[in-house]
Amino acid sequence: MPENNNRWTSDHLMKPGGTAVYAAQQRERLRQMADEVRALLGEYRADLENLKFDGDKPFEARLRAYLASRPLAQLEKDLRAAVNHVGKLDPEFQRRYVELPAKREEKAEKKELEKAHKKGLATARAVNTAGHLNGISSALVEPTGDGKGVVQKTGTDGPHNTFLDFLEKRA
């Protein structure tokens, strides 16, 4: 339990492990209360069953004891449910305030990586294609030692077909 005034505050819960410690303490306290109520319920119901009135039919005292002790039985049931609810406090906190931001950050990084990858591929393709075309076009027009371009040198001996002629015909 916290040091000051034996009272839990939101600040205590916000500290690392705060919700886990609080939940563990409250679960134990509520379990003890539920156990006390169950023991009291058994005693109370037994004592009520022993109170019989003139004119009671068979099992009427037992039914009356059951009905009179139902609020106590409901209290025990509610305390057991409260134990379960308090047990969910830390997992919910972890899921919504510890894991969620980490998941979102991981998702954002993954999205950025995919975006950069797609952009990088598109850029790489464009640069690669431009580089190839630039290299091809410069080879077509740059004369070699004999004054002819590479394609013209290696082309057919006919009417000087070049790669650019080929592209123009396809377009």
N, C-alpha and C. Protein backbone atom coordinates (compact mmCIF):
# COMPACT_ATOMS: atom_id res chain seq x y z
N MET A 1 0.86 -1.18 0.00
CA MET A 1 0.00 0.00 0.00
C MET A 1 0.89 1.23 0.00
N PRO A 2 0.43 2.32 -0.54
CA PRO A 2 1.23 3.54 -0.59
C PRO A 2 1.61 4.02 0.81
N GLU A 3 2.71 4.76 0.86
CA GLU A 3 3.25 5.20 2.14
C GLU A 3 2.40 6.27 2.82
N ASN A 4 1.91 7.23 2.05
CA ASN A 4 1.24 8.36 2.66
C ASN A 4 -0.25 8.13 2.86
N ASN A 5 -0.68 8.21 4.09
CA ASN A 5 -2.08 8.14 4.50
C ASN A 5 -2.77 6.82 4.17
N ASN A 6 -2.03 5.79 3.79
CA ASN A 6 -2.62 4.48 3.47
C ASN A 6 -3.79 4.59 2.51
N ARG A 7 -3.69 5.48 1.58
CA ARG A 7 -4.75 5.71 0.61
C ARG A 7 -4.17 5.66 -0.79
N TRP A 8 -4.81 4.89 -1.65
CA TRP A 8 -4.38 4.82 -3.04
C TRP A 8 -4.87 6.05 -3.79
N THR A 9 -4.02 6.57 -4.68
CA THR A 9 -4.41 7.68 -5.55
C THR A 9 -4.12 7.27 -6.99
N SER A 10 -4.61 8.06 -7.89
CA SER A 10 -4.37 7.81 -9.31
C SER A 10 -2.88 7.84 -9.63
N ASP A 11 -2.14 8.70 -8.93
CA ASP A 11 -0.69 8.78 -9.16
C ASP A 11 -0.02 7.45 -8.83
N HIS A 12 -0.48 6.79 -7.78
CA HIS A 12 0.08 5.49 -7.42
C HIS A 12 -0.19 4.45 -8.50
N LEU A 13 -1.39 4.51 -9.05
CA LEU A 13 -1.76 3.55 -10.09
C LEU A 13 -0.99 3.79 -11.38
N MET A 14 -0.62 5.03 -11.66
CA MET A 14 0.06 5.36 -12.90
C MET A 14 1.53 4.93 -12.90
N LYS A 15 2.09 4.68 -11.73
CA LYS A 15 3.48 4.25 -11.66
C LYS A 15 3.60 2.84 -12.23
N PRO A 16 4.77 2.48 -12.76
CA PRO A 16 4.94 1.13 -13.31
C PRO A 16 4.61 0.06 -12.26
N GLY A 17 3.73 -0.83 -12.62
CA GLY A 17 3.33 -1.91 -11.72
C GLY A 17 2.28 -1.50 -10.71
N GLY A 18 1.87 -0.25 -10.72
CA GLY A 18 0.90 0.24 -9.74
C GLY A 18 -0.44 -0.46 -9.82
N THR A 19 -0.95 -0.64 -11.03
CA THR A 19 -2.25 -1.30 -11.16
C THR A 19 -2.18 -2.75 -10.76
N ALA A 20 -1.04 -3.40 -11.01
CA ALA A 20 -0.89 -4.81 -10.64
C ALA A 20 -0.90 -4.97 -9.12
N VAL A 21 -0.17 -4.10 -8.42
CA VAL A 21 -0.11 -4.18 -6.96
C VAL A 21 -1.48 -3.87 -6.36
N TYR A 22 -2.11 -2.82 -6.86
CA TYR A 22 -3.44 -2.45 -6.36
C TYR A 22 -4.43 -3.59 -6.58
N ALA A 23 -4.44 -4.14 -7.77
CA ALA A 23 -5.37 -5.22 -8.09
C ALA A 23 -5.14 -6.43 -7.19
N ALA A 24 -3.90 -6.77 -6.96
CA ALA A 24 -3.59 -7.93 -6.11
C ALA A 24 -4.08 -7.69 -4.68
N GLN A 25 -3.84 -6.49 -4.17
CA GLN A 25 -4.29 -6.18 -2.80
C GLN A 25 -5.81 -6.20 -2.70
N GLN A 26 -6.48 -5.59 -3.66
CA GLN A 26 -7.94 -5.53 -3.61
C GLN A 26 -8.57 -6.91 -3.82
N ARG A 27 -7.99 -7.70 -4.69
CA ARG A 27 -8.52 -9.06 -4.90
C ARG A 27 -8.45 -9.86 -3.61
N GLU A 28 -7.32 -9.76 -2.92
CA GLU A 28 -7.17 -10.52 -1.67
C GLU A 28 -8.18 -10.02 -0.63
N ARG A 29 -8.31 -8.70 -0.53
CA ARG A 29 -9.26 -8.13 0.44
C ARG A 29 -10.70 -8.55 0.11
N LEU A 30 -11.08 -8.50 -1.16
CA LEU A 30 -12.44 -8.87 -1.56
C LEU A 30 -12.68 -10.37 -1.39
N ARG A 31 -11.64 -11.19 -1.66
CA ARG A 31 -11.78 -12.64 -1.43
C ARG A 31 -12.04 -12.95 0.04
N GLN A 32 -11.30 -12.27 0.90
CA GLN A 32 -11.49 -12.47 2.33
C GLN A 32 -12.91 -12.07 2.74
N MET A 33 -13.37 -10.95 2.21
CA MET A 33 -14.73 -10.50 2.53
C MET A 33 -15.76 -11.51 2.03
N ALA A 34 -15.57 -12.02 0.82
CA ALA A 34 -16.50 -13.00 0.25
C ALA A 34 -16.51 -14.28 1.09
N ASP A 35 -15.34 -14.70 1.55
CA ASP A 35 -15.26 -15.89 2.39
C ASP A 35 -15.98 -15.68 3.72
N GLU A 36 -15.81 -14.48 4.30
CA GLU A 36 -16.51 -14.16 5.55
C GLU A 36 -18.02 -14.15 5.34
N VAL A 37 -18.46 -13.57 4.23
CA VAL A 37 -19.90 -13.52 3.95
C VAL A 37 -20.45 -14.92 3.74
N ARG A 38 -19.68 -15.79 3.05
CA ARG A 38 -20.14 -17.17 2.82
C ARG A 38 -20.30 -17.91 4.15
N ALA A 39 -19.31 -17.74 5.03
CA ALA A 39 -19.40 -18.41 6.34
C ALA A 39 -20.59 -17.87 7.13
N LEU A 40 -20.76 -16.55 7.12
CA LEU A 40 -21.88 -15.94 7.82
C LEU A 40 -23.21 -16.40 7.21
N LEU A 41 -23.27 -16.50 5.91
CA LEU A 41 -24.48 -16.94 5.22
C LEU A 41 -24.87 -18.35 5.66
N GLY A 42 -23.90 -19.23 5.73
CA GLY A 42 -24.18 -20.60 6.17
C GLY A 42 -24.75 -20.65 7.58
N GLU A 43 -24.11 -19.90 8.47
CA GLU A 43 -24.58 -19.86 9.86
C GLU A 43 -25.98 -19.24 9.94
N TYR A 44 -26.15 -18.13 9.27
CA TYR A 44 -27.42 -17.39 9.31
C TYR A 44 -28.56 -18.25 8.77
N ARG A 45 -28.32 -18.88 7.63
CA ARG A 45 -29.35 -19.70 7.02
C ARG A 45 -29.71 -20.89 7.92
N ALA A 46 -28.71 -21.49 8.54
CA ALA A 46 -28.97 -22.62 9.45
C ALA A 46 -29.79 -22.17 10.66
N ASP A 47 -29.43 -21.01 11.22
CA ASP A 47 -30.19 -20.50 12.37
C ASP A 47 -31.63 -20.16 11.98
N LEU A 48 -31.81 -19.59 10.78
CA LEU A 48 -33.17 -19.26 10.33
C LEU A 48 -33.99 -20.52 10.10
N GLU A 49 -33.37 -21.59 9.61
CA GLU A 49 -34.10 -22.84 9.37
C GLU A 49 -34.58 -23.46 10.69
N ASN A 50 -33.84 -23.19 11.76
CA ASN A 50 -34.22 -23.74 13.06
C ASN A 50 -35.38 -22.98 13.70
N LEU A 51 -35.69 -21.79 13.18
CA LEU A 51 -36.83 -21.04 13.69
C LEU A 51 -38.09 -21.55 12.99
N LYS A 52 -38.92 -22.25 13.75
CA LYS A 52 -40.14 -22.80 13.16
C LYS A 52 -41.34 -22.17 13.83
N PHE A 53 -42.36 -22.00 13.04
CA PHE A 53 -43.60 -21.41 13.56
C PHE A 53 -44.68 -22.48 13.51
N ASP A 54 -45.66 -22.27 14.39
CA ASP A 54 -46.80 -23.21 14.38
C ASP A 54 -47.50 -23.12 13.03
N GLY A 55 -47.82 -24.23 12.50
CA GLY A 55 -48.56 -24.28 11.24
C GLY A 55 -47.66 -24.33 10.02
N ASP A 56 -46.34 -24.41 10.22
CA ASP A 56 -45.44 -24.53 9.07
C ASP A 56 -45.65 -25.85 8.36
N LYS A 57 -45.66 -25.80 7.08
CA LYS A 57 -45.71 -27.01 6.27
C LYS A 57 -44.29 -27.56 6.15
N PRO A 58 -44.15 -28.79 5.66
CA PRO A 58 -42.79 -29.33 5.49
C PRO A 58 -41.96 -28.44 4.55
N PHE A 59 -40.74 -28.24 4.89
CA PHE A 59 -39.77 -27.42 4.14
C PHE A 59 -40.10 -25.93 4.06
N GLU A 60 -41.17 -25.50 4.72
CA GLU A 60 -41.51 -24.08 4.68
C GLU A 60 -40.48 -23.26 5.44
N ALA A 61 -39.95 -23.75 6.55
CA ALA A 61 -38.92 -23.03 7.31
C ALA A 61 -37.65 -22.90 6.47
N ARG A 62 -37.33 -23.97 5.75
CA ARG A 62 -36.12 -23.94 4.91
C ARG A 62 -36.29 -22.92 3.77
N LEU A 63 -37.46 -22.90 3.15
CA LEU A 63 -37.72 -21.94 2.07
C LEU A 63 -37.69 -20.51 2.60
N ARG A 64 -38.29 -20.30 3.75
CA ARG A 64 -38.31 -18.96 4.35
C ARG A 64 -36.87 -18.53 4.67
N ALA A 65 -36.05 -19.43 5.18
CA ALA A 65 -34.65 -19.11 5.50
C ALA A 65 -33.87 -18.77 4.22
N TYR A 66 -34.13 -19.54 3.16
CA TYR A 66 -33.47 -19.28 1.88
C TYR A 66 -33.84 -17.89 1.36
N LEU A 67 -35.13 -17.59 1.37
CA LEU A 67 -35.58 -16.29 0.85
C LEU A 67 -35.07 -15.13 1.69
N ALA A 68 -35.05 -15.31 3.01
CA ALA A 68 -34.60 -14.24 3.90
C ALA A 68 -33.09 -14.00 3.77
N SER A 69 -32.34 -15.04 3.41
CA SER A 69 -30.88 -14.89 3.33
C SER A 69 -30.38 -14.60 1.91
N ARG A 70 -31.29 -14.49 0.97
CA ARG A 70 -30.88 -14.22 -0.42
C ARG A 70 -30.06 -12.95 -0.59
N PRO A 71 -30.39 -11.84 0.10
CA PRO A 71 -29.54 -10.65 -0.06
C PRO A 71 -28.09 -10.90 0.36
N LEU A 72 -27.90 -11.69 1.39
CA LEU A 72 -26.54 -12.02 1.82
C LEU A 72 -25.84 -12.90 0.78
N ALA A 73 -26.60 -13.83 0.19
CA ALA A 73 -26.04 -14.68 -0.86
C ALA A 73 -25.68 -13.83 -2.09
N GLN A 74 -26.51 -12.85 -2.38
CA GLN A 74 -26.22 -11.96 -3.52
C GLN A 74 -24.98 -11.12 -3.24
N LEU A 75 -24.82 -10.71 -1.98
CA LEU A 75 -23.62 -9.95 -1.60
C LEU A 75 -22.38 -10.79 -1.84
N GLU A 76 -22.42 -12.05 -1.46
CA GLU A 76 -21.26 -12.92 -1.69
C GLU A 76 -20.99 -13.06 -3.19
N LYS A 77 -22.04 -13.24 -3.96
CA LYS A 77 -21.90 -13.37 -5.41
C LYS A 77 -21.28 -12.10 -6.01
N ASP A 78 -21.74 -10.94 -5.55
CA ASP A 78 -21.21 -9.67 -6.04
C ASP A 78 -19.74 -9.48 -5.65
N LEU A 79 -19.39 -9.91 -4.44
CA LEU A 79 -17.98 -9.81 -4.03
C LEU A 79 -17.10 -10.71 -4.89
N ARG A 80 -17.58 -11.90 -5.23
CA ARG A 80 -16.81 -12.81 -6.11
C ARG A 80 -16.67 -12.18 -7.50
N ALA A 81 -17.73 -11.55 -7.97
CA ALA A 81 -17.66 -10.86 -9.27
C ALA A 81 -16.68 -9.69 -9.20
N ALA A 82 -16.67 -9.00 -8.08
CA ALA A 82 -15.75 -7.87 -7.91
C ALA A 82 -14.31 -8.35 -7.93
N VAL A 83 -14.05 -9.53 -7.36
CA VAL A 83 -12.70 -10.10 -7.40
C VAL A 83 -12.29 -10.27 -8.87
N ASN A 84 -13.19 -10.78 -9.68
CA ASN A 84 -12.89 -10.98 -11.11
C ASN A 84 -12.69 -9.65 -11.83
N HIS A 85 -13.51 -8.66 -11.50
CA HIS A 85 -13.38 -7.36 -12.15
C HIS A 85 -12.05 -6.69 -11.80
N VAL A 86 -11.68 -6.76 -10.55
CA VAL A 86 -10.41 -6.15 -10.13
C VAL A 86 -9.24 -6.89 -10.80
N GLY A 87 -9.41 -8.18 -11.02
CA GLY A 87 -8.37 -8.95 -11.70
C GLY A 87 -8.15 -8.49 -13.13
N LYS A 88 -9.13 -7.86 -13.72
CA LYS A 88 -9.02 -7.38 -15.10
C LYS A 88 -8.40 -5.99 -15.20
N LEU A 89 -8.19 -5.34 -14.06
CA LEU A 89 -7.69 -3.96 -14.06
C LEU A 89 -6.32 -3.85 -14.71
N ASP A 90 -5.36 -4.62 -14.26
CA ASP A 90 -4.00 -4.51 -14.80
C ASP A 90 -3.91 -4.97 -16.25
N PRO A 91 -4.52 -6.11 -16.63
CA PRO A 91 -4.45 -6.49 -18.05
C PRO A 91 -5.06 -5.44 -18.99
N GLU A 92 -6.16 -4.84 -18.58
CA GLU A 92 -6.76 -3.78 -19.40
C GLU A 92 -5.85 -2.57 -19.51
N PHE A 93 -5.24 -2.18 -18.38
CA PHE A 93 -4.31 -1.05 -18.39
C PHE A 93 -3.14 -1.36 -19.32
N GLN A 94 -2.58 -2.55 -19.19
CA GLN A 94 -1.44 -2.94 -20.02
C GLN A 94 -1.82 -2.92 -21.50
N ARG A 95 -2.99 -3.47 -21.81
CA ARG A 95 -3.41 -3.56 -23.20
C ARG A 95 -3.67 -2.19 -23.82
N ARG A 96 -4.28 -1.30 -23.06
CA ARG A 96 -4.70 -0.02 -23.62
C ARG A 96 -3.69 1.12 -23.48
N TYR A 97 -2.77 1.02 -22.51
CA TYR A 97 -1.83 2.12 -22.30
C TYR A 97 -0.37 1.73 -22.44
N VAL A 98 -0.07 0.46 -22.47
CA VAL A 98 1.32 0.04 -22.64
C VAL A 98 1.49 -0.61 -24.02
N GLU A 99 0.66 -1.58 -24.33
CA GLU A 99 0.80 -2.31 -25.59
C GLU A 99 0.29 -1.52 -26.79
N LEU A 100 -0.81 -0.81 -26.65
CA LEU A 100 -1.40 -0.09 -27.78
C LEU A 100 -0.44 0.93 -28.39
N PRO A 101 0.17 1.82 -27.59
CA PRO A 101 1.11 2.77 -28.20
C PRO A 101 2.28 2.06 -28.89
N ALA A 102 2.74 0.96 -28.30
CA ALA A 102 3.84 0.22 -28.93
C ALA A 102 3.38 -0.39 -30.25
N LYS A 103 2.17 -0.94 -30.27
CA LYS A 103 1.64 -1.51 -31.51
C LYS A 103 1.45 -0.44 -32.57
N ARG A 104 0.94 0.71 -32.16
CA ARG A 104 0.74 1.79 -33.12
C ARG A 104 2.07 2.29 -33.67
N GLU A 105 3.06 2.40 -32.81
CA GLU A 105 4.38 2.84 -33.27
C GLU A 105 4.97 1.81 -34.24
N GLU A 106 4.83 0.55 -33.92
CA GLU A 106 5.33 -0.52 -34.79
C GLU A 106 4.60 -0.49 -36.14
N LYS A 107 3.29 -0.28 -36.09
CA LYS A 107 2.50 -0.21 -37.32
C LYS A 107 2.92 1.00 -38.16
N ALA A 108 3.14 2.13 -37.51
CA ALA A 108 3.56 3.34 -38.23
C ALA A 108 4.93 3.13 -38.86
N GLU A 109 5.84 2.50 -38.13
CA GLU A 109 7.17 2.22 -38.68
C GLU A 109 7.07 1.29 -39.89
N LYS A 110 6.22 0.28 -39.76
CA LYS A 110 6.04 -0.67 -40.86
C LYS A 110 5.46 0.05 -42.08
N LYS A 111 4.49 0.93 -41.83
CA LYS A 111 3.87 1.68 -42.92
C LYS A 111 4.88 2.60 -43.58
N GLU A 112 5.69 3.28 -42.78
CA GLU A 112 6.73 4.15 -43.32
C GLU A 112 7.74 3.35 -44.14
N LEU A 113 8.11 2.19 -43.63
CA LEU A 113 9.06 1.33 -44.34
C LEU A 113 8.48 0.89 -45.68
N GLU A 114 7.21 0.47 -45.68
CA GLU A 114 6.56 0.08 -46.93
C GLU A 114 6.48 1.26 -47.89
N LYS A 115 6.14 2.43 -47.35
CA LYS A 115 6.03 3.62 -48.17
C LYS A 115 7.39 3.97 -48.78
N ALA A 116 8.42 3.92 -47.94
CA ALA A 116 9.77 4.22 -48.43
C ALA A 116 10.22 3.17 -49.43
N HIS A 117 9.86 1.94 -49.17
CA HIS A 117 10.23 0.85 -50.07
C HIS A 117 9.56 1.05 -51.43
N LYS A 118 8.26 1.36 -51.40
CA LYS A 118 7.55 1.60 -52.66
C LYS A 118 8.13 2.82 -53.38
N LYS A 119 8.36 3.88 -52.63
CA LYS A 119 8.91 5.09 -53.22
C LYS A 119 10.32 4.82 -53.73
N GLY A 120 11.07 4.07 -52.96
CA GLY A 120 12.43 3.72 -53.36
C GLY A 120 12.45 2.89 -54.61
N LEU A 121 11.55 1.94 -54.73
CA LEU A 121 11.49 1.12 -55.94
C LEU A 121 11.10 1.96 -57.14
N ALA A 122 10.11 2.81 -56.95
CA ALA A 122 9.69 3.66 -58.05
C ALA A 122 10.83 4.59 -58.46
N THR A 123 11.49 5.16 -57.49
CA THR A 123 12.62 6.05 -57.77
C THR A 123 13.76 5.27 -58.40
N ALA A 124 14.03 4.10 -57.85
CA ALA A 124 15.12 3.28 -58.39
C ALA A 124 14.81 2.88 -59.83
N ARG A 125 13.56 2.52 -60.11
CA ARG A 125 13.18 2.16 -61.48
C ARG A 125 13.35 3.36 -62.41
N ALA A 126 12.87 4.51 -61.94
CA ALA A 126 12.96 5.70 -62.78
C ALA A 126 14.42 6.07 -63.04
N VAL A 127 15.24 6.04 -61.99
CA VAL A 127 16.66 6.38 -62.15
C VAL A 127 17.34 5.35 -63.03
N ASN A 128 17.03 4.09 -62.78
CA ASN A 128 17.63 3.01 -63.54
C ASN A 128 17.26 3.13 -65.02
N THR A 129 15.98 3.34 -65.29
CA THR A 129 15.51 3.47 -66.67
C THR A 129 16.12 4.70 -67.33
N ALA A 130 16.13 5.81 -66.60
CA ALA A 130 16.71 7.04 -67.15
C ALA A 130 18.20 6.85 -67.42
N GLY A 131 18.86 6.17 -66.51
CA GLY A 131 20.29 5.91 -66.70
C GLY A 131 20.55 5.04 -67.91
N HIS A 132 19.74 4.01 -68.08
CA HIS A 132 19.89 3.15 -69.25
C HIS A 132 19.64 3.92 -70.53
N LEU A 133 18.56 4.69 -70.56
CA LEU A 133 18.26 5.45 -71.77
C LEU A 133 19.34 6.49 -72.05
N ASN A 134 19.82 7.11 -70.99
CA ASN A 134 20.88 8.10 -71.16
C ASN A 134 22.13 7.44 -71.71
N GLY A 135 22.46 6.28 -71.14
CA GLY A 135 23.63 5.56 -71.63
C GLY A 135 23.47 5.13 -73.07
N ILE A 136 22.28 4.65 -73.40
CA ILE A 136 22.03 4.20 -74.77
C ILE A 136 22.08 5.37 -75.73
N SER A 137 21.42 6.47 -75.36
CA SER A 137 21.39 7.62 -76.26
C SER A 137 22.76 8.23 -76.42
N SER A 138 23.57 8.27 -75.33
CA SER A 138 24.91 8.84 -75.46
C SER A 138 25.78 7.95 -76.32
N ALA A 139 25.57 6.62 -76.22
CA ALA A 139 26.35 5.71 -77.05
C ALA A 139 25.96 5.86 -78.51
N LEU A 140 24.70 6.23 -78.75
CA LEU A 140 24.25 6.39 -80.12
C LEU A 140 24.84 7.62 -80.77
N VAL A 141 25.05 8.65 -79.99
CA VAL A 141 25.50 9.89 -80.60
C VAL A 141 26.98 10.15 -80.38
N GLU A 142 27.58 9.53 -79.38
CA GLU A 142 29.00 9.77 -79.14
C GLU A 142 29.82 9.01 -80.18
N PRO A 143 30.61 9.72 -80.86
CA PRO A 143 31.42 9.02 -81.85
C PRO A 143 32.57 8.27 -81.20
N THR A 144 32.89 7.17 -81.77
CA THR A 144 34.07 6.43 -81.33
C THR A 144 35.25 6.95 -82.12
N GLY A 145 36.32 6.30 -82.01
CA GLY A 145 37.54 6.76 -82.68
C GLY A 145 37.38 6.92 -84.18
N ASP A 146 36.49 6.16 -84.80
CA ASP A 146 36.36 6.24 -86.26
C ASP A 146 35.27 7.21 -86.71
N GLY A 147 34.62 7.93 -85.72
CA GLY A 147 33.63 8.92 -86.10
C GLY A 147 32.23 8.37 -86.21
N LYS A 148 32.02 7.09 -85.94
CA LYS A 148 30.69 6.51 -86.00
C LYS A 148 30.21 6.19 -84.59
N GLY A 149 28.89 6.23 -84.35
CA GLY A 149 28.33 5.83 -83.07
C GLY A 149 28.39 4.33 -82.91
N VAL A 150 28.23 3.85 -81.65
CA VAL A 150 28.33 2.42 -81.36
C VAL A 150 27.30 1.63 -82.15
N VAL A 151 26.07 2.10 -82.18
CA VAL A 151 25.02 1.37 -82.86
C VAL A 151 25.27 1.40 -84.36
N GLN A 152 25.73 2.54 -84.83
CA GLN A 152 25.99 2.62 -86.26
C GLN A 152 27.12 1.68 -86.64
N LYS A 153 28.08 1.53 -85.74
CA LYS A 153 29.22 0.67 -86.01
C LYS A 153 28.79 -0.79 -86.05
N THR A 154 27.92 -1.18 -85.07
CA THR A 154 27.51 -2.57 -84.98
C THR A 154 26.21 -2.84 -85.70
N GLY A 155 25.58 -1.84 -86.25
CA GLY A 155 24.29 -2.00 -86.92
C GLY A 155 24.43 -2.74 -88.24
N THR A 156 23.33 -2.85 -88.93
CA THR A 156 23.36 -3.51 -90.23
C THR A 156 24.10 -2.63 -91.23
N ASP A 157 24.53 -3.23 -92.26
CA ASP A 157 25.28 -2.45 -93.26
C ASP A 157 24.36 -1.65 -94.17
N GLY A 158 23.05 -1.84 -94.01
CA GLY A 158 22.08 -1.17 -94.88
C GLY A 158 22.00 0.29 -94.57
N PRO A 159 20.79 0.82 -94.63
CA PRO A 159 20.58 2.27 -94.50
C PRO A 159 20.69 2.76 -93.07
N HIS A 160 21.74 2.57 -92.38
CA HIS A 160 22.06 3.07 -91.03
C HIS A 160 20.90 3.02 -90.05
N ASN A 161 20.37 1.86 -89.76
CA ASN A 161 19.32 1.70 -88.73
C ASN A 161 19.94 1.85 -87.35
N THR A 162 19.32 2.66 -86.52
CA THR A 162 19.79 2.86 -85.15
C THR A 162 18.69 2.44 -84.18
N PHE A 163 19.06 2.38 -82.93
CA PHE A 163 18.09 2.02 -81.89
C PHE A 163 16.98 3.06 -81.81
N LEU A 164 17.32 4.30 -81.98
CA LEU A 164 16.31 5.36 -81.95
C LEU A 164 15.33 5.21 -83.14
N ASP A 165 15.83 4.77 -84.26
CA ASP A 165 14.95 4.51 -85.40
C ASP A 165 13.97 3.41 -85.03
N PHE A 166 14.47 2.38 -84.37
CA PHE A 166 13.63 1.28 -83.95
C PHE A 166 12.52 1.75 -83.00
N LEU A 167 12.90 2.60 -82.04
CA LEU A 167 11.90 3.12 -81.08
C LEU A 167 10.88 4.00 -81.79
N GLU A 168 11.32 4.79 -82.75
CA GLU A 168 10.40 5.65 -83.48
C GLU A 168 9.41 4.83 -84.29
N LYS A 169 9.86 3.73 -84.85
CA LYS A 169 8.97 2.89 -85.63
C LYS A 169 7.92 2.23 -84.74
N ARG A 170 8.27 1.88 -83.52
CA ARG A 170 7.34 1.22 -82.59
C ARG A 170 6.30 2.20 -82.06
N ALA A 171 6.66 3.45 -81.96
CA ALA A 171 5.76 4.43 -81.37
C ALA A 171 4.67 4.87 -82.27
